[in-house]
Amino acid sequence: MGVGAAAGGVWVRAWCWSGVETSVEEAVVGLRVAVIDGGHRLVGDGDVVGLANRWLAHLEVREFSPRTVRAYAFDALNFARFLEERSVAVADVVAMDLFDWLAWQSAARPRCVSVSSLASTVAALSDHMASC
């Protein structure tokens, strides 16, 4: 898939775009994506929320398109769902969890996750992690 531990990938697009606009709010493990002050953010409780929102703010500062930031917000929501299913805290994530997440997404929607989607998400997060 073109994603490795050295790439620093954490969030990856995990749904298909079918031309139908999805809801801006989608509840998963007590979290949802909402528009706050014009930007997409995770809302709810969980250790992913603060980290994800800092990343999304970083993407906006770098002038990513609102649709891209929105897509990445749902990526973060998807990652939170994965961690919740496995009872893993963000602080405890190891490289193998990332590979398991990639496999989990591929198994759930085998034809929806494209290599370019994976690459763009990994690149955005990698840039953010390098600047922290």
C-alpha atoms as a PDB file:
ATOM      1  CA  MET A   1       0.000   0.000   0.000  1.00  0.00           C
ATOM      2  CA  GLY A   2       2.984   2.308   0.174  1.00  0.00           C
ATOM      3  CA  VAL A   3       2.676   2.974   3.906  1.00  0.00           C
ATOM      4  CA  GLY A   4       5.409   2.129   6.385  1.00  0.00           C
ATOM      5  CA  ALA A   5       6.363   2.901   9.946  1.00  0.00           C
ATOM      6  CA  ALA A   6       9.026   5.349   8.754  1.00  0.00           C
ATOM      7  CA  ALA A   7       6.358   7.313   6.905  1.00  0.00           C
ATOM      8  CA  GLY A   8       4.745   8.217  10.230  1.00  0.00           C
ATOM      9  CA  GLY A   9       1.278   7.320   8.964  1.00  0.00           C
ATOM     10  CA  VAL A  10      -1.531   7.334  11.484  1.00  0.00           C
ATOM     11  CA  TRP A  11      -4.794   8.380   9.805  1.00  0.00           C
ATOM     12  CA  VAL A  12      -5.939   6.988   6.511  1.00  0.00           C
ATOM     13  CA  ARG A  13      -9.094   7.596   4.475  1.00  0.00           C
ATOM     14  CA  ALA A  14     -11.466   4.688   5.054  1.00  0.00           C
ATOM     15  CA  TRP A  15     -14.682   5.219   3.149  1.00  0.00           C
ATOM     16  CA  CYS A  16     -15.751   5.531  -0.458  1.00  0.00           C
ATOM     17  CA  TRP A  17     -16.823   8.784  -2.050  1.00  0.00           C
ATOM     18  CA  SER A  18     -19.887   7.939  -4.072  1.00  0.00           C
ATOM     19  CA  GLY A  19     -20.839  11.434  -5.122  1.00  0.00           C
ATOM     20  CA  VAL A  20     -23.351  11.573  -2.278  1.00  0.00           C
ATOM     21  CA  GLU A  21     -22.548  14.198   0.329  1.00  0.00           C
ATOM     22  CA  THR A  22     -22.150  12.547   3.727  1.00  0.00           C
ATOM     23  CA  SER A  23     -23.364  14.106   6.932  1.00  0.00           C
ATOM     24  CA  VAL A  24     -20.975  16.463   8.681  1.00  0.00           C
ATOM     25  CA  GLU A  25     -21.862  14.764  11.936  1.00  0.00           C
ATOM     26  CA  GLU A  26     -21.371  11.045  12.408  1.00  0.00           C
ATOM     27  CA  ALA A  27     -21.380   9.482  15.853  1.00  0.00           C
ATOM     28  CA  VAL A  28     -18.730   6.864  16.504  1.00  0.00           C
ATOM     29  CA  VAL A  29     -17.679   5.822  20.003  1.00  0.00           C
ATOM     30  CA  GLY A  30     -19.184   8.988  21.470  1.00  0.00           C
ATOM     31  CA  LEU A  31     -17.341  11.196  18.979  1.00  0.00           C
ATOM     32  CA  ARG A  32     -18.557  13.132  15.992  1.00  0.00           C
ATOM     33  CA  VAL A  33     -17.214  15.498  13.376  1.00  0.00           C
ATOM     34  CA  ALA A  34     -18.702  18.995  13.459  1.00  0.00           C
ATOM     35  CA  VAL A  35     -18.020  22.387  11.941  1.00  0.00           C
ATOM     36  CA  ILE A  36     -16.735  24.726  14.649  1.00  0.00           C
ATOM     37  CA  ASP A  37     -15.789  28.300  13.773  1.00  0.00           C
ATOM     38  CA  GLY A  38     -15.726  27.342  10.107  1.00  0.00           C
ATOM     39  CA  GLY A  39     -13.409  24.355  10.515  1.00  0.00           C
ATOM     40  CA  HIS A  40     -14.030  20.629  10.916  1.00  0.00           C
ATOM     41  CA  ARG A  41     -13.222  19.256  14.370  1.00  0.00           C
ATOM     42  CA  LEU A  42     -13.824  16.175  16.435  1.00  0.00           C
ATOM     43  CA  VAL A  43     -16.274  16.734  19.268  1.00  0.00           C
ATOM     44  CA  GLY A  44     -16.691  14.459  22.272  1.00  0.00           C
ATOM     45  CA  ASP A  45     -14.679  12.701  24.897  1.00  0.00           C
ATOM     46  CA  GLY A  46     -11.634  10.617  24.222  1.00  0.00           C
ATOM     47  CA  ASP A  47      -7.890  10.904  24.091  1.00  0.00           C
ATOM     48  CA  VAL A  48      -7.958  11.229  20.283  1.00  0.00           C
ATOM     49  CA  VAL A  49      -9.930  14.517  20.298  1.00  0.00           C
ATOM     50  CA  GLY A  50      -7.186  16.950  21.334  1.00  0.00           C
ATOM     51  CA  LEU A  51      -4.526  15.374  19.154  1.00  0.00           C
ATOM     52  CA  ALA A  52      -6.825  15.177  16.131  1.00  0.00           C
ATOM     53  CA  ASN A  53      -8.004  18.774  16.517  1.00  0.00           C
ATOM     54  CA  ARG A  54      -4.435  20.087  16.718  1.00  0.00           C
ATOM     55  CA  TRP A  55      -3.665  18.172  13.521  1.00  0.00           C
ATOM     56  CA  LEU A  56      -6.775  19.511  11.762  1.00  0.00           C
ATOM     57  CA  ALA A  57      -5.894  23.081  12.825  1.00  0.00           C
ATOM     58  CA  HIS A  58      -2.382  22.517  11.470  1.00  0.00           C
ATOM     59  CA  LEU A  59      -3.836  21.460   8.109  1.00  0.00           C
ATOM     60  CA  GLU A  60      -5.938  24.631   7.983  1.00  0.00           C
ATOM     61  CA  VAL A  61      -2.902  26.803   8.746  1.00  0.00           C
ATOM     62  CA  ARG A  62      -1.144  25.085   5.853  1.00  0.00           C
ATOM     63  CA  GLU A  63      -4.165  26.073   3.722  1.00  0.00           C
ATOM     64  CA  PHE A  64      -5.438  22.596   2.932  1.00  0.00           C
ATOM     65  CA  SER A  65      -8.857  22.771   1.295  1.00  0.00           C
ATOM     66  CA  PRO A  66     -11.877  22.571   3.609  1.00  0.00           C
ATOM     67  CA  ARG A  67     -12.927  19.327   1.893  1.00  0.00           C
ATOM     68  CA  THR A  68      -9.522  17.775   2.589  1.00  0.00           C
ATOM     69  CA  VAL A  69      -9.637  18.832   6.236  1.00  0.00           C
ATOM     70  CA  ARG A  70     -13.154  17.418   6.454  1.00  0.00           C
ATOM     71  CA  ALA A  71     -11.987  14.105   4.987  1.00  0.00           C
ATOM     72  CA  TYR A  72      -9.100  13.939   7.447  1.00  0.00           C
ATOM     73  CA  ALA A  73     -11.481  14.697  10.335  1.00  0.00           C
ATOM     74  CA  PHE A  74     -13.432  11.589   9.377  1.00  0.00           C
ATOM     75  CA  ASP A  75     -10.132   9.694   9.100  1.00  0.00           C
ATOM     76  CA  ALA A  76      -9.421  10.632  12.712  1.00  0.00           C
ATOM     77  CA  LEU A  77     -12.913   9.500  13.668  1.00  0.00           C
ATOM     78  CA  ASN A  78     -12.282   6.184  11.932  1.00  0.00           C
ATOM     79  CA  PHE A  79      -8.975   5.750  13.752  1.00  0.00           C
ATOM     80  CA  ALA A  80     -10.734   6.442  17.069  1.00  0.00           C
ATOM     81  CA  ARG A  81     -13.269   3.713  16.249  1.00  0.00           C
ATOM     82  CA  PHE A  82     -10.450   1.278  15.515  1.00  0.00           C
ATOM     83  CA  LEU A  83      -8.702   2.093  18.805  1.00  0.00           C
ATOM     84  CA  GLU A  84     -11.959   1.806  20.741  1.00  0.00           C
ATOM     85  CA  GLU A  85     -12.680  -1.648  19.281  1.00  0.00           C
ATOM     86  CA  ARG A  86      -9.291  -2.810  20.479  1.00  0.00           C
ATOM     87  CA  SER A  87      -9.284  -0.911  23.806  1.00  0.00           C
ATOM     88  CA  VAL A  88      -6.031   0.861  22.896  1.00  0.00           C
ATOM     89  CA  ALA A  89      -5.250   4.362  24.179  1.00  0.00           C
ATOM     90  CA  VAL A  90      -3.591   6.809  21.771  1.00  0.00           C
ATOM     91  CA  ALA A  91      -0.569   7.000  24.078  1.00  0.00           C
ATOM     92  CA  ASP A  92      -0.154   3.214  23.762  1.00  0.00           C
ATOM     93  CA  VAL A  93      -0.231   3.044  19.943  1.00  0.00           C
ATOM     94  CA  VAL A  94       2.755   1.246  18.456  1.00  0.00           C
ATOM     95  CA  ALA A  95       3.764   0.772  14.824  1.00  0.00           C
ATOM     96  CA  MET A  96       2.075  -2.626  14.635  1.00  0.00           C
ATOM     97  CA  ASP A  97      -1.257  -1.004  15.572  1.00  0.00           C
ATOM     98  CA  LEU A  98      -0.923   1.216  12.512  1.00  0.00           C
ATOM     99  CA  PHE A  99      -0.384  -1.752  10.236  1.00  0.00           C
ATOM    100  CA  ASP A 100      -3.309  -3.539  11.888  1.00  0.00           C
ATOM    101  CA  TRP A 101      -5.444  -0.455  11.252  1.00  0.00           C
ATOM    102  CA  LEU A 102      -4.542  -0.432   7.578  1.00  0.00           C
ATOM    103  CA  ALA A 103      -5.480  -4.113   7.329  1.00  0.00           C
ATOM    104  CA  TRP A 104      -8.703  -3.457   9.288  1.00  0.00           C
ATOM    105  CA  GLN A 105      -9.738  -0.755   6.840  1.00  0.00           C
ATOM    106  CA  SER A 106      -8.912  -2.886   3.810  1.00  0.00           C
ATOM    107  CA  ALA A 107     -10.935  -5.789   5.196  1.00  0.00           C
ATOM    108  CA  ALA A 108     -13.922  -3.553   5.960  1.00  0.00           C
ATOM    109  CA  ARG A 109     -13.952  -1.860   2.557  1.00  0.00           C
ATOM    110  CA  PRO A 110     -11.514  -3.642   0.269  1.00  0.00           C
ATOM    111  CA  ARG A 111     -12.165  -1.554  -2.838  1.00  0.00           C
ATOM    112  CA  CYS A 112     -12.559   1.849  -1.210  1.00  0.00           C
ATOM    113  CA  VAL A 113      -9.111   2.704   0.100  1.00  0.00           C
ATOM    114  CA  SER A 114      -6.850   3.827  -2.714  1.00  0.00           C
ATOM    115  CA  VAL A 115      -3.107   4.087  -2.591  1.00  0.00           C
ATOM    116  CA  SER A 116      -3.325   7.809  -3.369  1.00  0.00           C
ATOM    117  CA  SER A 117      -5.713   8.323  -0.444  1.00  0.00           C
ATOM    118  CA  LEU A 118      -3.332   6.499   1.869  1.00  0.00           C
ATOM    119  CA  ALA A 119      -0.369   8.464   0.568  1.00  0.00           C
ATOM    120  CA  SER A 120      -1.987  11.883   0.936  1.00  0.00           C
ATOM    121  CA  THR A 121      -3.135  11.207   4.488  1.00  0.00           C
ATOM    122  CA  VAL A 122       0.231   9.809   5.521  1.00  0.00           C
ATOM    123  CA  ALA A 123       2.045  12.770   3.950  1.00  0.00           C
ATOM    124  CA  ALA A 124      -0.128  15.311   5.758  1.00  0.00           C
ATOM    125  CA  LEU A 125       0.305  13.647   9.131  1.00  0.00           C
ATOM    126  CA  SER A 126       3.997  13.051   8.566  1.00  0.00           C
ATOM    127  CA  ASP A 127       4.525  16.762   7.893  1.00  0.00           C
ATOM    128  CA  HIS A 128       2.629  17.616  11.057  1.00  0.00           C
ATOM    129  CA  MET A 129       4.594  15.169  13.202  1.00  0.00           C
ATOM    130  CA  ALA A 130       7.871  16.517  11.836  1.00  0.00           C
ATOM    131  CA  SER A 131       6.908  20.048  12.855  1.00  0.00           C
ATOM    132  CA  CYS A 132       5.962  19.096  16.447  1.00  0.00           C
END
